[in-house]
Amino acid sequence: MKRISLFMFLLVAITLVSCNKKVKETVTSKKSDTMELSNKEKVVALLNSFNTGDKTPISYINPNKYVQHNLAVGDGLAGFGEVMQHAPPQGFKSNVVRAFQDGNFVFTHTEYDFFGPKVGFDVFRFEDGLIVEHWDNLAEITPPNPSGRTQFDGTTEITDLDKTEANKKHVEGMLNDIFLNGKMETLTSYISPEKYIQHNSGVADGLEGLGAALKYFAENGLVMEYHKVHKVLGEGNFVLSISEGKFGKGDHVAFYDLFRIEDGLVVEHWDVIEPIPAKSEWKNDNGKF
């Protein structure tokens, strides 16, 4: 405390004699820059800190309230710190491909080197400018799909900001009508029949590709069932949905689907499907959703 008090005394004294004008301007400028960061910029800086080792972005997480929904990670900053302690010698790496903001939520589409190459969607919730909650879905990176698309390529430009709410309602309607209630006759009122770019590693472009994948599932006793939509977030022409259901041989999973909408129809899709472990394996009690 004595060292801090002495520093403050000297700072005031120097200010009074106007000898620290440049220093003061620099400090004020840095403080202003931090305060002017958007929530989206804070999240990108946090994820990029895996690459840079910069500890500043940790201050964007509320130290007293950080609710963790990654079931393999303990709650709070302590859980986050424990993961970082187990990082390999080369550390973790991340490349934020897409970042979006919807109110007090920020969601990202990221390429990771996190105990091996991963594709991930992350969602962060803010309160008073600090991160207080986190959800994610992670999966292994796979080879390009039958149309040569990867899990990351495609359009990144955010447009149609004035259509955000309409686009969110469009995706929510599609999920309810097609994925929850099986109204396949409504398909072309939600997804473009002329242009549907697919980034799922096992599905080709177009409605033909989607149809072929569904047929393969049916013929091989596999399932893709959406039971509940938990969140729909968006910015402009991009909408992310977070849903719960069953996949493959009936595994309990979380579906994270990112859709791009153009002229009122879905024209592009990325996704990550992650199995939900048995509750006995959870490292926090917050649940996946």
C-alpha atoms as a PDB file:
ATOM      1  CA  MET A   1       0.000   0.000   0.000  1.00  0.00           C
ATOM      2  CA  LYS A   2       2.880   2.393   0.732  1.00  0.00           C
ATOM      3  CA  ARG A   3       4.261   1.989  -2.776  1.00  0.00           C
ATOM      4  CA  ILE A   4       0.858   2.697  -4.332  1.00  0.00           C
ATOM      5  CA  SER A   5       0.293   5.745  -2.108  1.00  0.00           C
ATOM      6  CA  LEU A   6       3.705   7.128  -2.949  1.00  0.00           C
ATOM      7  CA  PHE A   7       3.067   6.667  -6.661  1.00  0.00           C
ATOM      8  CA  MET A   8      -0.263   8.467  -6.418  1.00  0.00           C
ATOM      9  CA  PHE A   9       1.356  11.314  -4.457  1.00  0.00           C
ATOM     10  CA  LEU A  10       4.072  11.744  -7.070  1.00  0.00           C
ATOM     11  CA  LEU A  11       1.528  11.557  -9.899  1.00  0.00           C
ATOM     12  CA  VAL A  12      -0.548  14.339  -8.344  1.00  0.00           C
ATOM     13  CA  ALA A  13       2.516  16.461  -7.656  1.00  0.00           C
ATOM     14  CA  ILE A  14       3.781  16.104 -11.209  1.00  0.00           C
ATOM     15  CA  THR A  15       0.331  16.925 -12.573  1.00  0.00           C
ATOM     16  CA  LEU A  16       0.205  20.108 -10.502  1.00  0.00           C
ATOM     17  CA  VAL A  17       3.450  21.364 -11.976  1.00  0.00           C
ATOM     18  CA  SER A  18       2.290  20.334 -15.512  1.00  0.00           C
ATOM     19  CA  CYS A  19       5.286  18.165 -16.188  1.00  0.00           C
ATOM     20  CA  ASN A  20       3.413  14.991 -17.104  1.00  0.00           C
ATOM     21  CA  LYS A  21       1.135  16.254 -19.856  1.00  0.00           C
ATOM     22  CA  LYS A  22       2.276  13.699 -22.438  1.00  0.00           C
ATOM     23  CA  VAL A  23       2.193  10.828 -19.955  1.00  0.00           C
ATOM     24  CA  LYS A  24      -1.281  11.810 -18.839  1.00  0.00           C
ATOM     25  CA  GLU A  25      -2.511  12.032 -22.427  1.00  0.00           C
ATOM     26  CA  THR A  26      -1.111   8.583 -23.185  1.00  0.00           C
ATOM     27  CA  VAL A  27      -2.737   6.989 -20.124  1.00  0.00           C
ATOM     28  CA  THR A  28      -6.045   8.676 -20.909  1.00  0.00           C
ATOM     29  CA  SER A  29      -5.856   7.524 -24.516  1.00  0.00           C
ATOM     30  CA  LYS A  30      -5.227   3.895 -23.530  1.00  0.00           C
ATOM     31  CA  LYS A  31      -8.088   3.964 -21.053  1.00  0.00           C
ATOM     32  CA  SER A  32     -10.372   5.459 -23.680  1.00  0.00           C
ATOM     33  CA  ASP A  33      -9.377   2.825 -26.242  1.00  0.00           C
ATOM     34  CA  THR A  34     -10.239   0.029 -23.785  1.00  0.00           C
ATOM     35  CA  MET A  35     -13.588   1.579 -22.914  1.00  0.00           C
ATOM     36  CA  GLU A  36     -14.468   2.012 -26.572  1.00  0.00           C
ATOM     37  CA  LEU A  37     -13.953  -1.653 -27.440  1.00  0.00           C
ATOM     38  CA  SER A  38     -17.204  -3.276 -28.478  1.00  0.00           C
ATOM     39  CA  ASN A  39     -18.190  -6.569 -26.874  1.00  0.00           C
ATOM     40  CA  LYS A  40     -17.399  -8.270 -30.177  1.00  0.00           C
ATOM     41  CA  GLU A  41     -13.885  -6.780 -30.181  1.00  0.00           C
ATOM     42  CA  LYS A  42     -13.353  -7.946 -26.596  1.00  0.00           C
ATOM     43  CA  VAL A  43     -14.258 -11.528 -27.506  1.00  0.00           C
ATOM     44  CA  VAL A  44     -11.996 -11.532 -30.563  1.00  0.00           C
ATOM     45  CA  ALA A  45      -9.157 -10.151 -28.434  1.00  0.00           C
ATOM     46  CA  LEU A  46      -9.774 -12.849 -25.820  1.00  0.00           C
ATOM     47  CA  LEU A  47      -9.658 -15.663 -28.363  1.00  0.00           C
ATOM     48  CA  ASN A  48      -6.638 -14.142 -30.106  1.00  0.00           C
ATOM     49  CA  SER A  49      -4.809 -14.037 -26.775  1.00  0.00           C
ATOM     50  CA  PHE A  50      -4.264 -17.792 -27.220  1.00  0.00           C
ATOM     51  CA  ASN A  51      -1.897 -16.807 -30.030  1.00  0.00           C
ATOM     52  CA  THR A  52      -0.305 -13.717 -28.498  1.00  0.00           C
ATOM     53  CA  GLY A  53      -0.125 -14.611 -24.826  1.00  0.00           C
ATOM     54  CA  ASP A  54      -1.573 -11.188 -24.016  1.00  0.00           C
ATOM     55  CA  LYS A  55      -3.136 -11.349 -20.538  1.00  0.00           C
ATOM     56  CA  THR A  56      -5.119  -8.109 -20.892  1.00  0.00           C
ATOM     57  CA  PRO A  57      -8.238  -9.737 -22.385  1.00  0.00           C
ATOM     58  CA  ILE A  58      -8.660 -11.849 -19.238  1.00  0.00           C
ATOM     59  CA  SER A  59      -9.849  -8.608 -17.645  1.00  0.00           C
ATOM     60  CA  TYR A  60     -12.878  -8.725 -19.966  1.00  0.00           C
ATOM     61  CA  ILE A  61     -14.191 -11.699 -17.946  1.00  0.00           C
ATOM     62  CA  ASN A  62     -16.083 -10.914 -14.749  1.00  0.00           C
ATOM     63  CA  PRO A  63     -13.856 -12.402 -12.008  1.00  0.00           C
ATOM     64  CA  ASN A  64     -16.823 -12.891  -9.675  1.00  0.00           C
ATOM     65  CA  LYS A  65     -19.331 -14.347 -12.139  1.00  0.00           C
ATOM     66  CA  TYR A  66     -18.380 -16.557 -15.067  1.00  0.00           C
ATOM     67  CA  VAL A  67     -20.944 -19.271 -15.777  1.00  0.00           C
ATOM     68  CA  GLN A  68     -19.422 -22.044 -17.856  1.00  0.00           C
ATOM     69  CA  HIS A  69     -21.514 -24.348 -20.077  1.00  0.00           C
ATOM     70  CA  ASN A  70     -18.648 -26.302 -21.631  1.00  0.00           C
ATOM     71  CA  LEU A  71     -19.230 -29.465 -19.625  1.00  0.00           C
ATOM     72  CA  ALA A  72     -15.565 -30.465 -19.762  1.00  0.00           C
ATOM     73  CA  VAL A  73     -14.500 -27.280 -17.950  1.00  0.00           C
ATOM     74  CA  GLY A  74     -15.027 -26.257 -14.333  1.00  0.00           C
ATOM     75  CA  ASP A  75     -17.120 -23.220 -13.482  1.00  0.00           C
ATOM     76  CA  GLY A  76     -15.710 -19.703 -13.081  1.00  0.00           C
ATOM     77  CA  LEU A  77     -12.291 -18.324 -13.831  1.00  0.00           C
ATOM     78  CA  ALA A  78     -10.784 -21.176 -11.816  1.00  0.00           C
ATOM     79  CA  GLY A  79     -12.075 -23.665 -14.387  1.00  0.00           C
ATOM     80  CA  PHE A  80     -10.749 -21.540 -17.238  1.00  0.00           C
ATOM     81  CA  GLY A  81      -7.370 -21.332 -15.506  1.00  0.00           C
ATOM     82  CA  GLU A  82      -7.210 -25.080 -14.992  1.00  0.00           C
ATOM     83  CA  VAL A  83      -7.645 -25.677 -18.737  1.00  0.00           C
ATOM     84  CA  MET A  84      -4.870 -23.204 -19.516  1.00  0.00           C
ATOM     85  CA  GLN A  85      -2.553 -24.994 -17.083  1.00  0.00           C
ATOM     86  CA  HIS A  86      -2.942 -28.179 -19.116  1.00  0.00           C
ATOM     87  CA  ALA A  87      -2.086 -26.515 -22.415  1.00  0.00           C
ATOM     88  CA  PRO A  88       0.611 -28.272 -24.495  1.00  0.00           C
ATOM     89  CA  PRO A  89       4.092 -26.680 -24.690  1.00  0.00           C
ATOM     90  CA  GLN A  90       3.184 -24.833 -27.888  1.00  0.00           C
ATOM     91  CA  GLY A  91      -0.012 -23.546 -26.262  1.00  0.00           C
ATOM     92  CA  PHE A  92      -3.452 -23.263 -27.835  1.00  0.00           C
ATOM     93  CA  LYS A  93      -4.096 -21.450 -31.111  1.00  0.00           C
ATOM     94  CA  SER A  94      -7.201 -19.844 -32.546  1.00  0.00           C
ATOM     95  CA  ASN A  95      -8.286 -18.168 -35.750  1.00  0.00           C
ATOM     96  CA  VAL A  96     -11.584 -16.307 -35.509  1.00  0.00           C
ATOM     97  CA  VAL A  97     -13.180 -16.730 -38.929  1.00  0.00           C
ATOM     98  CA  ARG A  98     -16.485 -14.987 -38.163  1.00  0.00           C
ATOM     99  CA  ALA A  99     -17.677 -12.870 -35.230  1.00  0.00           C
ATOM    100  CA  PHE A 100     -21.143 -11.473 -34.572  1.00  0.00           C
ATOM    101  CA  GLN A 101     -22.955  -9.463 -31.927  1.00  0.00           C
ATOM    102  CA  ASP A 102     -26.610  -9.659 -30.942  1.00  0.00           C
ATOM    103  CA  GLY A 103     -27.472  -7.426 -27.989  1.00  0.00           C
ATOM    104  CA  ASN A 104     -25.484  -8.615 -24.997  1.00  0.00           C
ATOM    105  CA  PHE A 105     -24.448 -11.816 -26.813  1.00  0.00           C
ATOM    106  CA  VAL A 106     -21.369 -12.313 -29.005  1.00  0.00           C
ATOM    107  CA  PHE A 107     -20.970 -15.482 -31.048  1.00  0.00           C
ATOM    108  CA  THR A 108     -17.974 -16.636 -33.068  1.00  0.00           C
ATOM    109  CA  HIS A 109     -17.007 -19.264 -35.631  1.00  0.00           C
ATOM    110  CA  THR A 110     -13.413 -20.246 -34.910  1.00  0.00           C
ATOM    111  CA  GLU A 111     -10.679 -22.588 -36.075  1.00  0.00           C
ATOM    112  CA  TYR A 112      -8.789 -23.929 -33.065  1.00  0.00           C
ATOM    113  CA  ASP A 113      -5.712 -25.904 -32.238  1.00  0.00           C
ATOM    114  CA  PHE A 114      -7.134 -27.019 -28.903  1.00  0.00           C
ATOM    115  CA  PHE A 115      -5.820 -30.470 -27.999  1.00  0.00           C
ATOM    116  CA  GLY A 116      -5.774 -31.006 -31.755  1.00  0.00           C
ATOM    117  CA  PRO A 117      -7.424 -29.235 -34.718  1.00  0.00           C
ATOM    118  CA  LYS A 118     -11.008 -28.228 -33.896  1.00  0.00           C
ATOM    119  CA  VAL A 119     -13.881 -26.262 -35.357  1.00  0.00           C
ATOM    120  CA  GLY A 120     -15.931 -24.369 -32.819  1.00  0.00           C
ATOM    121  CA  PHE A 121     -18.809 -22.035 -32.193  1.00  0.00           C
ATOM    122  CA  ASP A 122     -18.630 -19.945 -29.017  1.00  0.00           C
ATOM    123  CA  VAL A 123     -21.306 -17.789 -27.431  1.00  0.00           C
ATOM    124  CA  PHE A 124     -20.506 -15.206 -24.762  1.00  0.00           C
ATOM    125  CA  ARG A 125     -22.976 -13.196 -22.695  1.00  0.00           C
ATOM    126  CA  PHE A 126     -22.041  -9.785 -21.335  1.00  0.00           C
ATOM    127  CA  GLU A 127     -23.218  -7.772 -18.347  1.00  0.00           C
ATOM    128  CA  ASP A 128     -21.929  -4.246 -17.786  1.00  0.00           C
ATOM    129  CA  GLY A 129     -19.201  -4.722 -20.382  1.00  0.00           C
ATOM    130  CA  LEU A 130     -17.833  -7.967 -18.915  1.00  0.00           C
ATOM    131  CA  ILE A 131     -18.243 -11.597 -19.973  1.00  0.00           C
ATOM    132  CA  VAL A 132     -20.381 -13.467 -17.451  1.00  0.00           C
ATOM    133  CA  GLU A 133     -21.418 -16.620 -19.341  1.00  0.00           C
ATOM    134  CA  HIS A 134     -20.072 -18.928 -22.050  1.00  0.00           C
ATOM    135  CA  TRP A 135     -21.468 -21.713 -24.244  1.00  0.00           C
ATOM    136  CA  ASP A 136     -19.712 -23.606 -27.061  1.00  0.00           C
ATOM    137  CA  ASN A 137     -19.730 -26.560 -29.425  1.00  0.00           C
ATOM    138  CA  LEU A 138     -16.477 -28.147 -30.594  1.00  0.00           C
ATOM    139  CA  ALA A 139     -15.665 -30.931 -33.053  1.00  0.00           C
ATOM    140  CA  GLU A 140     -12.708 -32.378 -34.904  1.00  0.00           C
ATOM    141  CA  ILE A 141     -11.873 -30.739 -38.229  1.00  0.00           C
ATOM    142  CA  THR A 142     -12.854 -32.991 -41.111  1.00  0.00           C
ATOM    143  CA  PRO A 143     -11.826 -33.177 -44.795  1.00  0.00           C
ATOM    144  CA  PRO A 144     -13.779 -31.140 -47.380  1.00  0.00           C
ATOM    145  CA  ASN A 145     -17.311 -32.304 -48.142  1.00  0.00           C
ATOM    146  CA  PRO A 146     -18.478 -33.844 -51.470  1.00  0.00           C
ATOM    147  CA  SER A 147     -18.730 -30.332 -52.944  1.00  0.00           C
ATOM    148  CA  GLY A 148     -15.181 -29.446 -51.849  1.00  0.00           C
ATOM    149  CA  ARG A 149     -16.341 -27.092 -49.094  1.00  0.00           C
ATOM    150  CA  THR A 150     -14.563 -26.864 -45.752  1.00  0.00           C
ATOM    151  CA  GLN A 151     -16.033 -26.139 -42.327  1.00  0.00           C
ATOM    152  CA  PHE A 152     -14.707 -22.567 -42.495  1.00  0.00           C
ATOM    153  CA  ASP A 153     -14.723 -21.212 -46.063  1.00  0.00           C
ATOM    154  CA  GLY A 154     -17.478 -19.159 -47.624  1.00  0.00           C
ATOM    155  CA  THR A 155     -18.820 -15.652 -47.168  1.00  0.00           C
ATOM    156  CA  THR A 156     -17.810 -13.669 -44.096  1.00  0.00           C
ATOM    157  CA  GLU A 157     -19.276 -10.245 -44.922  1.00  0.00           C
ATOM    158  CA  ILE A 158     -22.093  -9.105 -42.640  1.00  0.00           C
ATOM    159  CA  THR A 159     -24.870  -7.284 -44.505  1.00  0.00           C
ATOM    160  CA  ASP A 160     -28.593  -6.479 -44.093  1.00  0.00           C
ATOM    161  CA  LEU A 161     -28.309  -5.284 -40.497  1.00  0.00           C
ATOM    162  CA  ASP A 162     -31.830  -3.906 -40.773  1.00  0.00           C
ATOM    163  CA  LYS A 163     -33.112  -7.445 -41.434  1.00  0.00           C
ATOM    164  CA  THR A 164     -31.594  -9.085 -38.338  1.00  0.00           C
ATOM    165  CA  GLU A 165     -34.859  -9.713 -36.510  1.00  0.00           C
ATOM    166  CA  ALA A 166     -36.677 -10.850 -39.660  1.00  0.00           C
ATOM    167  CA  ASN A 167     -33.855 -13.285 -40.450  1.00  0.00           C
ATOM    168  CA  LYS A 168     -33.915 -14.679 -36.906  1.00  0.00           C
ATOM    169  CA  LYS A 169     -37.659 -15.250 -37.179  1.00  0.00           C
ATOM    170  CA  HIS A 170     -37.123 -16.938 -40.559  1.00  0.00           C
ATOM    171  CA  VAL A 171     -34.637 -19.421 -39.072  1.00  0.00           C
ATOM    172  CA  GLU A 172     -36.793 -20.022 -36.017  1.00  0.00           C
ATOM    173  CA  GLY A 173     -39.781 -20.727 -38.284  1.00  0.00           C
ATOM    174  CA  MET A 174     -37.688 -23.123 -40.382  1.00  0.00           C
ATOM    175  CA  LEU A 175     -36.497 -25.027 -37.328  1.00  0.00           C
ATOM    176  CA  ASN A 176     -40.020 -25.338 -35.957  1.00  0.00           C
ATOM    177  CA  ASP A 177     -41.715 -26.268 -39.232  1.00  0.00           C
ATOM    178  CA  ILE A 178     -39.105 -28.558 -40.789  1.00  0.00           C
ATOM    179  CA  PHE A 179     -36.796 -29.838 -38.077  1.00  0.00           C
ATOM    180  CA  LEU A 180     -39.227 -30.098 -35.163  1.00  0.00           C
ATOM    181  CA  ASN A 181     -42.532 -30.781 -36.916  1.00  0.00           C
ATOM    182  CA  GLY A 182     -41.380 -32.474 -40.139  1.00  0.00           C
ATOM    183  CA  LYS A 183     -43.265 -30.206 -42.544  1.00  0.00           C
ATOM    184  CA  MET A 184     -40.973 -30.959 -45.464  1.00  0.00           C
ATOM    185  CA  GLU A 185     -43.450 -29.400 -47.921  1.00  0.00           C
ATOM    186  CA  THR A 186     -42.412 -25.984 -46.554  1.00  0.00           C
ATOM    187  CA  LEU A 187     -38.722 -26.556 -47.369  1.00  0.00           C
ATOM    188  CA  THR A 188     -38.461 -24.216 -50.359  1.00  0.00           C
ATOM    189  CA  SER A 189     -40.154 -21.393 -48.474  1.00  0.00           C
ATOM    190  CA  TYR A 190     -37.157 -21.376 -46.118  1.00  0.00           C
ATOM    191  CA  ILE A 191     -34.167 -22.710 -48.127  1.00  0.00           C
ATOM    192  CA  SER A 192     -33.297 -21.503 -51.616  1.00  0.00           C
ATOM    193  CA  PRO A 193     -33.951 -24.237 -54.210  1.00  0.00           C
ATOM    194  CA  GLU A 194     -31.476 -22.565 -56.575  1.00  0.00           C
ATOM    195  CA  LYS A 195     -28.531 -21.810 -54.288  1.00  0.00           C
ATOM    196  CA  TYR A 196     -27.785 -23.745 -51.103  1.00  0.00           C
ATOM    197  CA  ILE A 197     -24.086 -23.874 -50.177  1.00  0.00           C
ATOM    198  CA  GLN A 198     -23.355 -26.609 -47.663  1.00  0.00           C
ATOM    199  CA  HIS A 199     -20.341 -26.794 -45.314  1.00  0.00           C
ATOM    200  CA  ASN A 200     -21.346 -29.875 -43.351  1.00  0.00           C
ATOM    201  CA  SER A 201     -18.545 -32.340 -44.040  1.00  0.00           C
ATOM    202  CA  GLY A 202     -20.875 -35.134 -45.137  1.00  0.00           C
ATOM    203  CA  VAL A 203     -23.396 -33.239 -47.241  1.00  0.00           C
ATOM    204  CA  ALA A 204     -23.126 -31.876 -50.788  1.00  0.00           C
ATOM    205  CA  ASP A 205     -24.442 -28.532 -52.019  1.00  0.00           C
ATOM    206  CA  GLY A 206     -28.066 -27.951 -52.982  1.00  0.00           C
ATOM    207  CA  LEU A 207     -31.336 -29.436 -51.877  1.00  0.00           C
ATOM    208  CA  GLU A 208     -30.286 -32.575 -53.764  1.00  0.00           C
ATOM    209  CA  GLY A 209     -27.323 -32.964 -51.427  1.00  0.00           C
ATOM    210  CA  LEU A 210     -29.534 -32.503 -48.378  1.00  0.00           C
ATOM    211  CA  GLY A 211     -32.023 -35.015 -49.730  1.00  0.00           C
ATOM    212  CA  ALA A 212     -29.298 -37.575 -50.420  1.00  0.00           C
ATOM    213  CA  ALA A 213     -27.976 -37.210 -46.860  1.00  0.00           C
ATOM    214  CA  LEU A 214     -31.437 -37.678 -45.339  1.00  0.00           C
ATOM    215  CA  LYS A 215     -32.028 -40.727 -47.542  1.00  0.00           C
ATOM    216  CA  TYR A 216     -28.696 -42.240 -46.426  1.00  0.00           C
ATOM    217  CA  PHE A 217     -29.666 -41.728 -42.785  1.00  0.00           C
ATOM    218  CA  ALA A 218     -33.063 -43.365 -43.306  1.00  0.00           C
ATOM    219  CA  GLU A 219     -31.623 -46.357 -45.159  1.00  0.00           C
ATOM    220  CA  ASN A 220     -28.972 -46.971 -42.512  1.00  0.00           C
ATOM    221  CA  GLY A 221     -31.094 -46.586 -39.397  1.00  0.00           C
ATOM    222  CA  LEU A 222     -29.496 -43.283 -38.429  1.00  0.00           C
ATOM    223  CA  VAL A 223     -31.324 -40.302 -36.993  1.00  0.00           C
ATOM    224  CA  MET A 224     -31.142 -36.526 -37.024  1.00  0.00           C
ATOM    225  CA  GLU A 225     -33.802 -35.327 -34.614  1.00  0.00           C
ATOM    226  CA  TYR A 226     -34.236 -31.798 -33.286  1.00  0.00           C
ATOM    227  CA  HIS A 227     -36.148 -31.855 -29.988  1.00  0.00           C
ATOM    228  CA  LYS A 228     -35.783 -28.291 -28.717  1.00  0.00           C
ATOM    229  CA  VAL A 229     -34.423 -24.949 -29.947  1.00  0.00           C
ATOM    230  CA  HIS A 230     -32.665 -23.183 -27.078  1.00  0.00           C
ATOM    231  CA  LYS A 231     -31.319 -19.996 -28.686  1.00  0.00           C
ATOM    232  CA  VAL A 232     -31.523 -18.101 -31.958  1.00  0.00           C
ATOM    233  CA  LEU A 233     -28.977 -15.296 -32.326  1.00  0.00           C
ATOM    234  CA  GLY A 234     -28.208 -13.152 -35.335  1.00  0.00           C
ATOM    235  CA  GLU A 235     -26.511 -10.182 -36.894  1.00  0.00           C
ATOM    236  CA  GLY A 236     -27.684  -9.091 -40.317  1.00  0.00           C
ATOM    237  CA  ASN A 237     -27.587 -11.923 -42.838  1.00  0.00           C
ATOM    238  CA  PHE A 238     -26.147 -14.479 -40.376  1.00  0.00           C
ATOM    239  CA  VAL A 239     -28.174 -16.422 -37.814  1.00  0.00           C
ATOM    240  CA  LEU A 240     -26.932 -19.009 -35.307  1.00  0.00           C
ATOM    241  CA  SER A 241     -29.307 -21.527 -33.764  1.00  0.00           C
ATOM    242  CA  ILE A 242     -28.539 -23.701 -30.748  1.00  0.00           C
ATOM    243  CA  SER A 243     -30.665 -26.823 -30.489  1.00  0.00           C
ATOM    244  CA  GLU A 244     -30.867 -30.130 -28.671  1.00  0.00           C
ATOM    245  CA  GLY A 245     -31.686 -33.535 -30.081  1.00  0.00           C
ATOM    246  CA  LYS A 246     -30.379 -36.894 -31.257  1.00  0.00           C
ATOM    247  CA  PHE A 247     -27.925 -37.713 -34.030  1.00  0.00           C
ATOM    248  CA  GLY A 248     -26.393 -40.756 -35.676  1.00  0.00           C
ATOM    249  CA  LYS A 249     -27.172 -43.862 -33.659  1.00  0.00           C
ATOM    250  CA  GLY A 250     -29.251 -41.852 -31.219  1.00  0.00           C
ATOM    251  CA  ASP A 251     -26.570 -39.916 -29.358  1.00  0.00           C
ATOM    252  CA  HIS A 252     -27.813 -36.994 -27.265  1.00  0.00           C
ATOM    253  CA  VAL A 253     -26.264 -33.954 -28.967  1.00  0.00           C
ATOM    254  CA  ALA A 254     -26.136 -30.183 -29.237  1.00  0.00           C
ATOM    255  CA  PHE A 255     -26.675 -28.779 -32.736  1.00  0.00           C
ATOM    256  CA  TYR A 256     -25.048 -25.430 -33.526  1.00  0.00           C
ATOM    257  CA  ASP A 257     -26.180 -24.286 -36.982  1.00  0.00           C
ATOM    258  CA  LEU A 258     -25.029 -21.085 -38.674  1.00  0.00           C
ATOM    259  CA  PHE A 259     -27.171 -19.930 -41.592  1.00  0.00           C
ATOM    260  CA  ARG A 260     -26.622 -17.160 -44.120  1.00  0.00           C
ATOM    261  CA  ILE A 261     -29.766 -15.601 -45.543  1.00  0.00           C
ATOM    262  CA  GLU A 262     -30.089 -13.827 -48.855  1.00  0.00           C
ATOM    263  CA  ASP A 263     -33.311 -12.280 -50.174  1.00  0.00           C
ATOM    264  CA  GLY A 264     -35.363 -13.981 -47.492  1.00  0.00           C
ATOM    265  CA  LEU A 265     -34.045 -17.526 -48.026  1.00  0.00           C
ATOM    266  CA  VAL A 266     -31.255 -19.605 -46.480  1.00  0.00           C
ATOM    267  CA  VAL A 267     -28.403 -19.903 -49.008  1.00  0.00           C
ATOM    268  CA  GLU A 268     -25.490 -21.182 -46.889  1.00  0.00           C
ATOM    269  CA  HIS A 269     -25.000 -23.403 -43.840  1.00  0.00           C
ATOM    270  CA  TRP A 270     -22.228 -24.329 -41.429  1.00  0.00           C
ATOM    271  CA  ASP A 271     -22.621 -26.529 -38.346  1.00  0.00           C
ATOM    272  CA  VAL A 272     -20.984 -28.262 -35.418  1.00  0.00           C
ATOM    273  CA  ILE A 273     -22.630 -31.250 -33.748  1.00  0.00           C
ATOM    274  CA  GLU A 274     -21.262 -32.286 -30.355  1.00  0.00           C
ATOM    275  CA  PRO A 275     -22.337 -35.228 -28.177  1.00  0.00           C
ATOM    276  CA  ILE A 276     -23.502 -34.301 -24.682  1.00  0.00           C
ATOM    277  CA  PRO A 277     -21.726 -36.477 -22.091  1.00  0.00           C
ATOM    278  CA  ALA A 278     -23.471 -38.286 -19.262  1.00  0.00           C
ATOM    279  CA  LYS A 279     -24.087 -36.023 -16.268  1.00  0.00           C
ATOM    280  CA  SER A 280     -21.643 -38.074 -14.197  1.00  0.00           C
ATOM    281  CA  GLU A 281     -18.859 -36.729 -16.448  1.00  0.00           C
ATOM    282  CA  TRP A 282     -19.766 -33.030 -16.165  1.00  0.00           C
ATOM    283  CA  LYS A 283     -17.221 -30.709 -14.529  1.00  0.00           C
ATOM    284  CA  ASN A 284     -19.889 -28.076 -13.820  1.00  0.00           C
ATOM    285  CA  ASP A 285     -23.606 -28.202 -13.016  1.00  0.00           C
ATOM    286  CA  ASN A 286     -24.740 -25.475 -15.436  1.00  0.00           C
ATOM    287  CA  GLY A 287     -25.904 -27.753 -18.234  1.00  0.00           C
ATOM    288  CA  LYS A 288     -25.047 -27.561 -21.934  1.00  0.00           C
ATOM    289  CA  PHE A 289     -27.731 -25.000 -22.741  1.00  0.00           C
END
